[in-house]
């Protein structure tokens, strides 16, 4: 019978929906933040490479673990 349905169920479903939306929003913010960190790290690397006047070949050698003649 419908009279015996637990009144907490609709409230819990509504809370679950709110939490799901919040999680989705936080996940989007997290991903955007990580993307921004990566972008800033890449810009920092580019700046360091330019400051050392390294060629692409020297950078590749440095990344491989060899001695770059910068």
Protein backbone atom coordinates (compact mmCIF):
# COMPACT_ATOMS: atom_id res chain seq x y z
CA UNK A 1 0.00 0.00 0.00
CA UNK A 2 1.08 3.57 -0.66
CA UNK A 3 0.24 4.53 2.92
CA UNK A 4 3.21 2.49 4.11
CA UNK A 5 5.83 4.18 1.89
CA UNK A 6 8.69 5.66 3.82
CA UNK A 7 8.42 9.46 3.67
CA UNK A 8 12.22 9.73 3.79
CA UNK A 9 12.65 8.24 0.32
CA UNK A 10 11.65 11.33 -1.71
CA UNK A 11 13.77 13.55 0.55
CA UNK A 12 16.76 11.26 0.13
CA UNK A 13 16.27 11.14 -3.63
CA UNK A 14 16.19 14.94 -3.75
CA UNK A 15 19.34 15.13 -1.63
CA UNK A 16 21.05 12.57 -3.87
CA UNK A 17 20.16 14.66 -6.93
CA UNK A 18 21.55 17.82 -5.29
CA UNK A 19 24.74 15.98 -4.33
CA UNK A 20 25.14 14.59 -7.84
CA UNK A 21 24.86 18.09 -9.29
CA UNK A 22 27.36 19.40 -6.74
CA UNK A 23 29.79 16.56 -7.53
CA UNK A 24 29.50 17.29 -11.25
CA UNK A 25 30.18 21.00 -10.63
CA UNK A 26 33.15 20.25 -8.38
CA UNK A 27 34.53 17.74 -10.89
CA UNK A 28 34.33 20.38 -13.62
CA UNK A 29 36.09 22.92 -11.36
CA UNK A 30 38.75 20.34 -10.45
CA UNK A 31 39.42 19.50 -14.11
CA UNK A 32 39.59 23.20 -15.04
CA UNK A 33 42.04 23.81 -12.20
CA UNK A 34 44.26 20.89 -13.22
CA UNK A 35 44.19 22.13 -16.83
CA UNK A 36 45.26 25.60 -15.66
CA UNK A 37 48.12 24.12 -13.58
CA UNK A 38 49.31 22.15 -16.61
CA UNK A 39 49.11 25.25 -18.80
CA UNK A 40 51.12 27.32 -16.32
CA UNK A 41 53.71 24.55 -15.93
CA UNK A 42 54.10 24.35 -19.69
CA UNK A 43 54.53 28.12 -19.94
CA UNK A 44 57.15 27.96 -17.21
CA UNK A 45 59.03 25.22 -19.08
CA UNK A 46 58.91 27.23 -22.31
CA UNK A 47 60.26 30.26 -20.45
CA UNK A 48 63.11 28.24 -18.95
CA UNK A 49 64.04 26.75 -22.32
CA UNK A 50 64.00 30.18 -23.97
CA UNK A 51 66.09 31.67 -21.15
CA UNK A 52 68.75 29.02 -21.80
CA UNK A 53 68.63 29.62 -25.57
CA UNK A 54 68.20 25.89 -26.10
CA UNK A 55 67.39 24.39 -29.46
CA UNK A 56 64.63 21.85 -29.92
CA UNK A 57 67.29 19.17 -30.32
CA UNK A 58 68.99 20.18 -27.06
CA UNK A 59 65.68 20.13 -25.23
CA UNK A 60 64.88 16.68 -26.63
CA UNK A 61 68.28 15.43 -25.49
CA UNK A 62 67.76 16.91 -22.04
CA UNK A 63 64.36 15.24 -21.76
CA UNK A 64 65.89 11.90 -22.77
CA UNK A 65 68.37 12.30 -19.94
CA UNK A 66 71.42 13.13 -22.02
CA UNK A 67 73.74 16.04 -21.61
CA UNK A 68 72.42 19.06 -23.46
CA UNK A 69 75.07 21.43 -24.70
CA UNK A 70 73.11 24.52 -23.76
